[in-house]
């Protein structure tokens, strides 16, 4: 006798707790739980968000830690460290998540436990979702890896001043 799973699609967005900690992401129905990153990581996130706010045109909103939800047979929920979203979508939706189509830039700051996920898995998913720009900031090497279909040199992202982003 076999028993059918209650939810064959896996974890859904509605299954998540309301608390913000620890961080909960869903990839193909699987739940990925990670603690919030340490202080040096948060320093880089804060400085990146501030630099993006200074450079972003008014039609964009800079959001640290926003939920990006893609619905299909299995939910996918990613929470980049910083995202730049269409301001119309952020004001029009009073919900808890934005769709991939609302995101202009997703950015991750690598933590020791997130290197492979940030550089490979999330890169693949953001590309699949059609997000034009994906940045991965590496505090260890002080490098910024740019992925996606949109070249920063050809848009306002080229004007983002990242001087002093790394903790000293």
C-alpha atoms as a PDB file:
ATOM      1  CA  UNK A   1       0.000   0.000   0.000  1.00  0.00           C
ATOM      2  CA  UNK A   2       1.397   3.365  -0.953  1.00  0.00           C
ATOM      3  CA  UNK A   3       0.509   6.616   0.721  1.00  0.00           C
ATOM      4  CA  UNK A   4       0.129   9.734  -1.390  1.00  0.00           C
ATOM      5  CA  UNK A   5       1.900  12.790  -0.051  1.00  0.00           C
ATOM      6  CA  UNK A   6      -0.355  15.519   1.304  1.00  0.00           C
ATOM      7  CA  UNK A   7       1.343  18.103  -0.884  1.00  0.00           C
ATOM      8  CA  UNK A   8       3.080  16.451  -3.857  1.00  0.00           C
ATOM      9  CA  UNK A   9       4.362  19.845  -5.003  1.00  0.00           C
ATOM     10  CA  UNK A  10       6.396  20.226  -1.803  1.00  0.00           C
ATOM     11  CA  UNK A  11       6.587  23.298   0.415  1.00  0.00           C
ATOM     12  CA  UNK A  12       4.417  26.194  -0.735  1.00  0.00           C
ATOM     13  CA  UNK A  13       4.782  29.874   0.113  1.00  0.00           C
ATOM     14  CA  UNK A  14       1.730  29.706   2.385  1.00  0.00           C
ATOM     15  CA  UNK A  15       3.440  27.006   4.470  1.00  0.00           C
ATOM     16  CA  UNK A  16       6.119  29.397   5.732  1.00  0.00           C
ATOM     17  CA  UNK A  17       5.967  30.960   9.196  1.00  0.00           C
ATOM     18  CA  UNK A  18       5.350  34.684   9.544  1.00  0.00           C
ATOM     19  CA  UNK A  19       8.636  35.316  11.365  1.00  0.00           C
ATOM     20  CA  UNK A  20      11.506  36.778   9.355  1.00  0.00           C
ATOM     21  CA  UNK A  21      14.196  34.690  11.089  1.00  0.00           C
ATOM     22  CA  UNK A  22      15.646  32.371  10.089  1.00  0.00           C
ATOM     23  CA  UNK A  23      15.609  33.052   6.351  1.00  0.00           C
ATOM     24  CA  UNK A  24      13.306  30.648   4.492  1.00  0.00           C
ATOM     25  CA  UNK A  25      13.692  30.099   0.756  1.00  0.00           C
ATOM     26  CA  UNK A  26      11.915  27.537  -1.423  1.00  0.00           C
ATOM     27  CA  UNK A  27      13.571  25.884  -4.405  1.00  0.00           C
ATOM     28  CA  UNK A  28      11.451  23.390  -6.327  1.00  0.00           C
ATOM     29  CA  UNK A  29       9.335  22.632  -3.296  1.00  0.00           C
ATOM     30  CA  UNK A  30      12.338  22.097  -0.994  1.00  0.00           C
ATOM     31  CA  UNK A  31      12.767  24.330   2.042  1.00  0.00           C
ATOM     32  CA  UNK A  32      16.172  26.003   2.501  1.00  0.00           C
ATOM     33  CA  UNK A  33      16.592  27.579   5.927  1.00  0.00           C
ATOM     34  CA  UNK A  34      19.607  29.728   6.782  1.00  0.00           C
ATOM     35  CA  UNK A  35      20.328  32.046   9.690  1.00  0.00           C
ATOM     36  CA  UNK A  36      20.766  35.737   9.052  1.00  0.00           C
ATOM     37  CA  UNK A  37      24.358  36.572   8.124  1.00  0.00           C
ATOM     38  CA  UNK A  38      26.965  38.117  10.397  1.00  0.00           C
ATOM     39  CA  UNK A  39      27.802  41.760  10.936  1.00  0.00           C
ATOM     40  CA  UNK A  40      30.487  42.125   8.197  1.00  0.00           C
ATOM     41  CA  UNK A  41      28.011  40.713   5.674  1.00  0.00           C
ATOM     42  CA  UNK A  42      25.310  43.119   6.839  1.00  0.00           C
ATOM     43  CA  UNK A  43      27.732  46.055   6.537  1.00  0.00           C
ATOM     44  CA  UNK A  44      28.268  45.243   2.850  1.00  0.00           C
ATOM     45  CA  UNK A  45      24.511  44.772   2.316  1.00  0.00           C
ATOM     46  CA  UNK A  46      23.764  48.142   3.915  1.00  0.00           C
ATOM     47  CA  UNK A  47      26.444  49.954   1.930  1.00  0.00           C
ATOM     48  CA  UNK A  48      25.303  48.324  -1.318  1.00  0.00           C
ATOM     49  CA  UNK A  49      21.680  49.298  -0.660  1.00  0.00           C
ATOM     50  CA  UNK A  50      22.716  52.895   0.112  1.00  0.00           C
ATOM     51  CA  UNK A  51      24.801  53.118  -3.078  1.00  0.00           C
ATOM     52  CA  UNK A  52      21.904  51.775  -5.134  1.00  0.00           C
ATOM     53  CA  UNK A  53      19.430  54.210  -3.543  1.00  0.00           C
ATOM     54  CA  UNK A  54      21.718  57.145  -4.427  1.00  0.00           C
ATOM     55  CA  UNK A  55      21.948  56.058  -8.095  1.00  0.00           C
ATOM     56  CA  UNK A  56      18.528  54.560  -8.822  1.00  0.00           C
ATOM     57  CA  UNK A  57      16.120  56.490 -11.033  1.00  0.00           C
ATOM     58  CA  UNK A  58      12.777  57.319  -9.416  1.00  0.00           C
ATOM     59  CA  UNK A  59      10.993  54.480 -11.227  1.00  0.00           C
ATOM     60  CA  UNK A  60      12.901  51.978  -9.074  1.00  0.00           C
ATOM     61  CA  UNK A  61      12.766  51.008  -5.409  1.00  0.00           C
ATOM     62  CA  UNK A  62      15.717  49.459  -3.555  1.00  0.00           C
ATOM     63  CA  UNK A  63      14.612  46.690  -1.203  1.00  0.00           C
ATOM     64  CA  UNK A  64      16.848  44.708   1.140  1.00  0.00           C
ATOM     65  CA  UNK A  65      15.686  41.142   1.711  1.00  0.00           C
ATOM     66  CA  UNK A  66      12.511  41.172  -0.400  1.00  0.00           C
ATOM     67  CA  UNK A  67      10.665  37.952  -1.240  1.00  0.00           C
ATOM     68  CA  UNK A  68      10.721  37.042  -4.939  1.00  0.00           C
ATOM     69  CA  UNK A  69       8.121  34.363  -5.600  1.00  0.00           C
ATOM     70  CA  UNK A  70       7.723  32.368  -8.807  1.00  0.00           C
ATOM     71  CA  UNK A  71       4.672  30.151  -8.839  1.00  0.00           C
ATOM     72  CA  UNK A  72       4.377  26.978 -10.913  1.00  0.00           C
ATOM     73  CA  UNK A  73       3.939  23.303 -10.110  1.00  0.00           C
ATOM     74  CA  UNK A  74       6.452  23.897  -7.315  1.00  0.00           C
ATOM     75  CA  UNK A  75       7.016  27.249  -5.671  1.00  0.00           C
ATOM     76  CA  UNK A  76      10.333  28.975  -5.862  1.00  0.00           C
ATOM     77  CA  UNK A  77      10.974  31.724  -3.336  1.00  0.00           C
ATOM     78  CA  UNK A  78      14.308  33.513  -3.268  1.00  0.00           C
ATOM     79  CA  UNK A  79      15.319  36.354  -0.994  1.00  0.00           C
ATOM     80  CA  UNK A  80      18.266  38.309  -2.368  1.00  0.00           C
ATOM     81  CA  UNK A  81      20.256  40.442   0.041  1.00  0.00           C
ATOM     82  CA  UNK A  82      19.281  43.505  -2.012  1.00  0.00           C
ATOM     83  CA  UNK A  83      16.915  43.892  -4.950  1.00  0.00           C
ATOM     84  CA  UNK A  84      15.990  46.789  -7.184  1.00  0.00           C
ATOM     85  CA  UNK A  85      12.351  46.568  -8.191  1.00  0.00           C
ATOM     86  CA  UNK A  86       9.925  48.453 -10.363  1.00  0.00           C
ATOM     87  CA  UNK A  87       8.444  51.143  -8.084  1.00  0.00           C
ATOM     88  CA  UNK A  88       4.990  50.674  -9.607  1.00  0.00           C
ATOM     89  CA  UNK A  89       4.990  47.024  -8.539  1.00  0.00           C
ATOM     90  CA  UNK A  90       6.115  47.862  -4.998  1.00  0.00           C
ATOM     91  CA  UNK A  91       3.353  50.414  -4.512  1.00  0.00           C
ATOM     92  CA  UNK A  92       0.615  48.523  -6.358  1.00  0.00           C
ATOM     93  CA  UNK A  93       1.024  45.293  -4.413  1.00  0.00           C
ATOM     94  CA  UNK A  94       0.519  45.273  -0.692  1.00  0.00           C
ATOM     95  CA  UNK A  95       1.498  41.600  -0.523  1.00  0.00           C
ATOM     96  CA  UNK A  96       4.479  39.802   0.899  1.00  0.00           C
ATOM     97  CA  UNK A  97       6.287  38.990  -2.365  1.00  0.00           C
ATOM     98  CA  UNK A  98       7.125  40.379  -5.769  1.00  0.00           C
ATOM     99  CA  UNK A  99       7.288  38.397  -8.981  1.00  0.00           C
ATOM    100  CA  UNK A 100      10.490  37.929 -10.986  1.00  0.00           C
ATOM    101  CA  UNK A 101       9.065  40.263 -13.648  1.00  0.00           C
ATOM    102  CA  UNK A 102       9.168  43.103 -11.079  1.00  0.00           C
ATOM    103  CA  UNK A 103      12.909  42.767 -10.392  1.00  0.00           C
ATOM    104  CA  UNK A 104      15.532  44.822 -12.232  1.00  0.00           C
ATOM    105  CA  UNK A 105      18.541  43.720 -10.154  1.00  0.00           C
ATOM    106  CA  UNK A 106      19.035  40.978  -7.582  1.00  0.00           C
ATOM    107  CA  UNK A 107      22.231  41.108  -5.520  1.00  0.00           C
ATOM    108  CA  UNK A 108      23.749  38.643  -3.083  1.00  0.00           C
ATOM    109  CA  UNK A 109      26.656  39.077  -0.699  1.00  0.00           C
ATOM    110  CA  UNK A 110      28.495  35.790  -0.294  1.00  0.00           C
ATOM    111  CA  UNK A 111      28.676  34.257   3.167  1.00  0.00           C
ATOM    112  CA  UNK A 112      30.919  31.261   3.894  1.00  0.00           C
ATOM    113  CA  UNK A 113      27.883  28.970   3.757  1.00  0.00           C
ATOM    114  CA  UNK A 114      26.291  30.530   0.655  1.00  0.00           C
ATOM    115  CA  UNK A 115      29.103  30.611  -1.936  1.00  0.00           C
ATOM    116  CA  UNK A 116      27.891  27.734  -4.162  1.00  0.00           C
ATOM    117  CA  UNK A 117      24.225  28.709  -3.899  1.00  0.00           C
ATOM    118  CA  UNK A 118      24.902  32.382  -4.704  1.00  0.00           C
ATOM    119  CA  UNK A 119      27.361  31.794  -7.559  1.00  0.00           C
ATOM    120  CA  UNK A 120      25.679  28.834  -9.217  1.00  0.00           C
ATOM    121  CA  UNK A 121      22.138  27.912  -8.163  1.00  0.00           C
ATOM    122  CA  UNK A 122      20.725  31.418  -7.739  1.00  0.00           C
ATOM    123  CA  UNK A 123      22.558  32.562 -10.857  1.00  0.00           C
ATOM    124  CA  UNK A 124      20.806  29.807 -12.833  1.00  0.00           C
ATOM    125  CA  UNK A 125      17.395  30.534 -11.308  1.00  0.00           C
ATOM    126  CA  UNK A 126      17.567  34.308 -11.781  1.00  0.00           C
ATOM    127  CA  UNK A 127      18.643  33.771 -15.403  1.00  0.00           C
ATOM    128  CA  UNK A 128      15.775  31.310 -15.931  1.00  0.00           C
ATOM    129  CA  UNK A 129      13.361  33.860 -14.447  1.00  0.00           C
ATOM    130  CA  UNK A 130      14.554  36.559 -16.861  1.00  0.00           C
ATOM    131  CA  UNK A 131      15.979  38.903 -14.231  1.00  0.00           C
ATOM    132  CA  UNK A 132      18.246  41.175 -16.252  1.00  0.00           C
ATOM    133  CA  UNK A 133      20.981  41.834 -13.698  1.00  0.00           C
ATOM    134  CA  UNK A 134      22.374  39.663 -10.925  1.00  0.00           C
ATOM    135  CA  UNK A 135      25.339  40.758  -8.825  1.00  0.00           C
ATOM    136  CA  UNK A 136      27.276  38.571  -6.434  1.00  0.00           C
ATOM    137  CA  UNK A 137      29.562  40.475  -4.072  1.00  0.00           C
ATOM    138  CA  UNK A 138      32.447  38.482  -2.610  1.00  0.00           C
ATOM    139  CA  UNK A 139      33.807  40.053   0.604  1.00  0.00           C
ATOM    140  CA  UNK A 140      36.664  37.536   0.677  1.00  0.00           C
ATOM    141  CA  UNK A 141      38.118  38.621  -2.684  1.00  0.00           C
ATOM    142  CA  UNK A 142      36.394  42.038  -2.785  1.00  0.00           C
ATOM    143  CA  UNK A 143      35.093  41.228  -6.269  1.00  0.00           C
ATOM    144  CA  UNK A 144      31.709  41.875  -7.790  1.00  0.00           C
ATOM    145  CA  UNK A 145      30.550  39.229 -10.240  1.00  0.00           C
ATOM    146  CA  UNK A 146      27.950  40.471 -12.712  1.00  0.00           C
ATOM    147  CA  UNK A 147      25.577  38.083 -14.440  1.00  0.00           C
ATOM    148  CA  UNK A 148      22.463  38.498 -16.516  1.00  0.00           C
ATOM    149  CA  UNK A 149      21.382  39.838 -19.858  1.00  0.00           C
ATOM    150  CA  UNK A 150      21.760  43.531 -18.965  1.00  0.00           C
ATOM    151  CA  UNK A 151      25.252  44.996 -19.106  1.00  0.00           C
ATOM    152  CA  UNK A 152      25.791  47.479 -16.269  1.00  0.00           C
ATOM    153  CA  UNK A 153      27.886  49.653 -18.586  1.00  0.00           C
ATOM    154  CA  UNK A 154      24.809  50.324 -20.711  1.00  0.00           C
ATOM    155  CA  UNK A 155      22.460  51.563 -17.981  1.00  0.00           C
ATOM    156  CA  UNK A 156      22.240  53.529 -14.729  1.00  0.00           C
ATOM    157  CA  UNK A 157      23.914  50.664 -12.832  1.00  0.00           C
ATOM    158  CA  UNK A 158      27.218  51.908 -14.272  1.00  0.00           C
ATOM    159  CA  UNK A 159      26.780  55.030 -12.112  1.00  0.00           C
ATOM    160  CA  UNK A 160      26.505  53.118  -8.827  1.00  0.00           C
ATOM    161  CA  UNK A 161      29.476  54.214  -6.700  1.00  0.00           C
ATOM    162  CA  UNK A 162      30.724  51.088  -4.940  1.00  0.00           C
ATOM    163  CA  UNK A 163      33.778  52.854  -3.474  1.00  0.00           C
ATOM    164  CA  UNK A 164      34.106  51.977   0.194  1.00  0.00           C
ATOM    165  CA  UNK A 165      31.595  49.120   0.087  1.00  0.00           C
ATOM    166  CA  UNK A 166      33.958  46.634   1.737  1.00  0.00           C
ATOM    167  CA  UNK A 167      34.532  46.729   5.516  1.00  0.00           C
ATOM    168  CA  UNK A 168      38.058  47.728   6.506  1.00  0.00           C
END
